[in-house]
Structures are given as C-alpha cells and as structure tokens.
Amino acid sequence: MMRITSAISFGEAIRARRKELHYTQGFLSEFSGLSVSFISDLENGKKTAELEKAIYLANLLGLDLCLEGREHGS
C-alpha cells in the first residue's frame, strides 16, 4: 500500500503500476480513451488533473482508492 499525500505521490503510484503491468502510455491511452498527454501530466503530478479521469485510470490499472480517517493529531 502506498500513502498518497499529493498529486506527485498519486502520479508516482500510477506510473509505478503502469510500468509493473508493462504498459506504455500509448497503449494505456488507446485502451482507456484518455490522451497520452493526460496520462503523462497525471504521472508527473499535475495538480489540476481531472479527478474523475484520474480515478478511472487508477481503477483501470487495478488500483483501489480508499480514504481512511487518521487519529486526531496525526
């Protein structure tokens, strides 16, 4: 499990999973219908990436997104 704390760490997780699956950005673009530039921007931590598309791509790569509450003061 990877702790996501920023657009950068989210992008790193997406890139790592894509590479783990041996997918190129081009292949993922064709398969998902998302542009290569969107995938690249997301992987590079673009803060204004569309959330719905980012979640869709993560799910497509077999990543589940879960939010957990922290203990107060953490």
N, C-alpha and C. Protein backbone atom coordinates (compact mmCIF):
# COMPACT_ATOMS: atom_id res chain seq x y z
N MET A 1 0.85 -1.17 0.00
CA MET A 1 0.00 0.00 0.00
C MET A 1 0.90 1.23 0.00
N MET A 2 0.49 2.22 -0.76
CA MET A 2 1.25 3.46 -0.85
C MET A 2 0.40 4.59 -0.29
N ARG A 3 0.99 5.39 0.56
CA ARG A 3 0.27 6.53 1.12
C ARG A 3 0.35 7.69 0.14
N ILE A 4 -0.79 8.19 -0.27
CA ILE A 4 -0.87 9.30 -1.22
C ILE A 4 -1.08 10.59 -0.43
N THR A 5 -0.16 11.51 -0.59
CA THR A 5 -0.24 12.77 0.15
C THR A 5 -0.23 13.99 -0.77
N SER A 6 -0.10 13.76 -2.08
CA SER A 6 -0.02 14.87 -3.02
C SER A 6 -0.30 14.36 -4.44
N ALA A 7 -0.44 15.31 -5.35
CA ALA A 7 -0.59 14.95 -6.76
C ALA A 7 0.66 14.22 -7.25
N ILE A 8 1.81 14.58 -6.72
CA ILE A 8 3.07 13.93 -7.10
C ILE A 8 3.06 12.46 -6.69
N SER A 9 2.69 12.17 -5.44
CA SER A 9 2.71 10.77 -5.00
C SER A 9 1.62 9.95 -5.70
N PHE A 10 0.48 10.59 -6.03
CA PHE A 10 -0.55 9.89 -6.79
C PHE A 10 0.00 9.53 -8.18
N GLY A 11 0.63 10.49 -8.82
CA GLY A 11 1.22 10.24 -10.14
C GLY A 11 2.28 9.16 -10.11
N GLU A 12 3.09 9.16 -9.07
CA GLU A 12 4.14 8.13 -8.93
C GLU A 12 3.52 6.75 -8.80
N ALA A 13 2.41 6.65 -8.07
CA ALA A 13 1.73 5.37 -7.91
C ALA A 13 1.14 4.89 -9.24
N ILE A 14 0.56 5.81 -10.00
CA ILE A 14 0.01 5.47 -11.31
C ILE A 14 1.13 4.98 -12.24
N ARG A 15 2.23 5.72 -12.29
CA ARG A 15 3.36 5.35 -13.15
C ARG A 15 3.93 3.99 -12.74
N ALA A 16 4.12 3.78 -11.45
CA ALA A 16 4.69 2.52 -10.98
C ALA A 16 3.80 1.34 -11.37
N ARG A 17 2.50 1.50 -11.21
CA ARG A 17 1.57 0.41 -11.57
C ARG A 17 1.56 0.17 -13.07
N ARG A 18 1.57 1.24 -13.86
CA ARG A 18 1.59 1.10 -15.32
C ARG A 18 2.83 0.32 -15.76
N LYS A 19 3.97 0.68 -15.18
CA LYS A 19 5.22 0.01 -15.53
C LYS A 19 5.23 -1.44 -15.03
N GLU A 20 4.65 -1.66 -13.86
CA GLU A 20 4.55 -3.02 -13.32
C GLU A 20 3.77 -3.92 -14.28
N LEU A 21 2.77 -3.35 -14.93
CA LEU A 21 1.95 -4.09 -15.88
C LEU A 21 2.56 -4.11 -17.29
N HIS A 22 3.71 -3.45 -17.45
CA HIS A 22 4.42 -3.36 -18.73
C HIS A 22 3.58 -2.67 -19.81
N TYR A 23 2.83 -1.66 -19.41
CA TYR A 23 2.05 -0.86 -20.35
C TYR A 23 2.81 0.41 -20.70
N THR A 24 2.77 0.79 -21.94
CA THR A 24 3.29 2.10 -22.34
C THR A 24 2.16 3.11 -22.15
N GLN A 25 2.53 4.37 -22.12
CA GLN A 25 1.50 5.41 -22.06
C GLN A 25 0.63 5.35 -23.31
N GLY A 26 1.23 5.04 -24.44
CA GLY A 26 0.47 4.94 -25.69
C GLY A 26 -0.56 3.83 -25.65
N PHE A 27 -0.14 2.66 -25.16
CA PHE A 27 -1.08 1.54 -25.05
C PHE A 27 -2.21 1.89 -24.11
N LEU A 28 -1.87 2.46 -22.97
CA LEU A 28 -2.88 2.82 -21.98
C LEU A 28 -3.84 3.87 -22.53
N SER A 29 -3.32 4.78 -23.33
CA SER A 29 -4.15 5.79 -23.96
C SER A 29 -5.17 5.16 -24.90
N GLU A 30 -4.70 4.24 -25.75
CA GLU A 30 -5.60 3.57 -26.69
C GLU A 30 -6.65 2.75 -25.94
N PHE A 31 -6.24 2.07 -24.90
CA PHE A 31 -7.13 1.19 -24.15
C PHE A 31 -8.16 1.97 -23.33
N SER A 32 -7.73 3.11 -22.78
CA SER A 32 -8.60 3.86 -21.86
C SER A 32 -9.42 4.95 -22.54
N GLY A 33 -8.94 5.40 -23.71
CA GLY A 33 -9.59 6.53 -24.36
C GLY A 33 -9.10 7.88 -23.83
N LEU A 34 -8.15 7.87 -22.91
CA LEU A 34 -7.57 9.10 -22.37
C LEU A 34 -6.33 9.46 -23.20
N SER A 35 -6.04 10.72 -23.31
CA SER A 35 -4.90 11.13 -24.12
C SER A 35 -3.57 10.80 -23.43
N VAL A 36 -2.54 10.62 -24.26
CA VAL A 36 -1.20 10.40 -23.72
C VAL A 36 -0.78 11.60 -22.88
N SER A 37 -1.15 12.81 -23.32
CA SER A 37 -0.75 13.99 -22.56
C SER A 37 -1.42 14.01 -21.18
N PHE A 38 -2.68 13.55 -21.08
CA PHE A 38 -3.33 13.48 -19.76
C PHE A 38 -2.59 12.49 -18.87
N ILE A 39 -2.30 11.31 -19.41
CA ILE A 39 -1.61 10.28 -18.63
C ILE A 39 -0.24 10.79 -18.17
N SER A 40 0.47 11.43 -19.07
CA SER A 40 1.78 11.99 -18.73
C SER A 40 1.66 13.07 -17.66
N ASP A 41 0.71 13.97 -17.84
CA ASP A 41 0.51 15.03 -16.84
C ASP A 41 0.17 14.44 -15.48
N LEU A 42 -0.70 13.45 -15.47
CA LEU A 42 -1.10 12.81 -14.21
C LEU A 42 0.11 12.16 -13.53
N GLU A 43 0.88 11.42 -14.30
CA GLU A 43 2.07 10.74 -13.76
C GLU A 43 3.10 11.74 -13.25
N ASN A 44 3.11 12.93 -13.82
CA ASN A 44 4.06 13.96 -13.39
C ASN A 44 3.51 14.86 -12.29
N GLY A 45 2.35 14.51 -11.77
CA GLY A 45 1.82 15.22 -10.61
C GLY A 45 1.11 16.52 -10.90
N LYS A 46 0.54 16.64 -12.10
CA LYS A 46 -0.19 17.88 -12.42
C LYS A 46 -1.35 18.04 -11.44
N LYS A 47 -1.36 19.15 -10.74
CA LYS A 47 -2.33 19.38 -9.68
C LYS A 47 -3.74 19.61 -10.19
N THR A 48 -3.88 20.00 -11.44
CA THR A 48 -5.20 20.30 -11.97
C THR A 48 -5.79 19.17 -12.81
N ALA A 49 -5.22 17.97 -12.72
CA ALA A 49 -5.75 16.83 -13.47
C ALA A 49 -7.18 16.55 -13.01
N GLU A 50 -8.03 16.16 -13.95
CA GLU A 50 -9.43 15.89 -13.63
C GLU A 50 -9.56 14.66 -12.74
N LEU A 51 -10.20 14.85 -11.61
CA LEU A 51 -10.31 13.80 -10.61
C LEU A 51 -11.02 12.57 -11.14
N GLU A 52 -12.12 12.73 -11.84
CA GLU A 52 -12.88 11.59 -12.35
C GLU A 52 -12.03 10.74 -13.29
N LYS A 53 -11.28 11.39 -14.16
CA LYS A 53 -10.41 10.67 -15.09
C LYS A 53 -9.28 9.97 -14.33
N ALA A 54 -8.74 10.63 -13.32
CA ALA A 54 -7.65 10.06 -12.54
C ALA A 54 -8.13 8.80 -11.79
N ILE A 55 -9.31 8.87 -11.22
CA ILE A 55 -9.87 7.70 -10.51
C ILE A 55 -10.14 6.58 -11.51
N TYR A 56 -10.70 6.92 -12.66
CA TYR A 56 -10.97 5.93 -13.70
C TYR A 56 -9.68 5.22 -14.10
N LEU A 57 -8.62 5.97 -14.33
CA LEU A 57 -7.36 5.38 -14.75
C LEU A 57 -6.78 4.48 -13.65
N ALA A 58 -6.83 4.93 -12.41
CA ALA A 58 -6.34 4.12 -11.31
C ALA A 58 -7.11 2.79 -11.24
N ASN A 59 -8.42 2.87 -11.35
CA ASN A 59 -9.24 1.65 -11.31
C ASN A 59 -8.93 0.74 -12.49
N LEU A 60 -8.73 1.32 -13.66
CA LEU A 60 -8.41 0.56 -14.86
C LEU A 60 -7.09 -0.19 -14.69
N LEU A 61 -6.18 0.40 -13.94
CA LEU A 61 -4.89 -0.24 -13.66
C LEU A 61 -4.96 -1.23 -12.50
N GLY A 62 -6.15 -1.42 -11.97
CA GLY A 62 -6.31 -2.38 -10.88
C GLY A 62 -5.97 -1.82 -9.52
N LEU A 63 -6.00 -0.51 -9.38
CA LEU A 63 -5.73 0.13 -8.10
C LEU A 63 -7.04 0.55 -7.45
N ASP A 64 -7.21 0.21 -6.20
CA ASP A 64 -8.38 0.64 -5.44
C ASP A 64 -8.00 1.88 -4.64
N LEU A 65 -8.88 2.86 -4.64
CA LEU A 65 -8.65 4.07 -3.85
C LEU A 65 -9.53 4.02 -2.61
N CYS A 66 -8.91 4.19 -1.46
CA CYS A 66 -9.63 4.15 -0.19
C CYS A 66 -9.19 5.33 0.66
N LEU A 67 -10.13 5.92 1.35
CA LEU A 67 -9.81 7.00 2.27
C LEU A 67 -10.01 6.49 3.69
N GLU A 68 -9.05 6.78 4.55
CA GLU A 68 -9.14 6.36 5.93
C GLU A 68 -8.94 7.57 6.84
N GLY A 69 -9.71 7.60 7.89
CA GLY A 69 -9.53 8.67 8.87
C GLY A 69 -8.27 8.43 9.68
N ARG A 70 -7.60 9.52 10.04
CA ARG A 70 -6.42 9.43 10.91
C ARG A 70 -6.85 9.76 12.33
N GLU A 71 -6.04 9.31 13.25
CA GLU A 71 -6.28 9.68 14.63
C GLU A 71 -6.04 11.16 14.76
N HIS A 72 -6.79 11.81 15.61
CA HIS A 72 -6.64 13.25 15.82
C HIS A 72 -5.20 13.57 16.21
N GLY A 73 -4.60 14.54 15.52
CA GLY A 73 -3.24 14.95 15.84
C GLY A 73 -2.18 14.27 15.00
N SER A 74 -2.57 13.34 14.11
CA SER A 74 -1.58 12.64 13.27
C SER A 74 -1.27 13.43 12.03
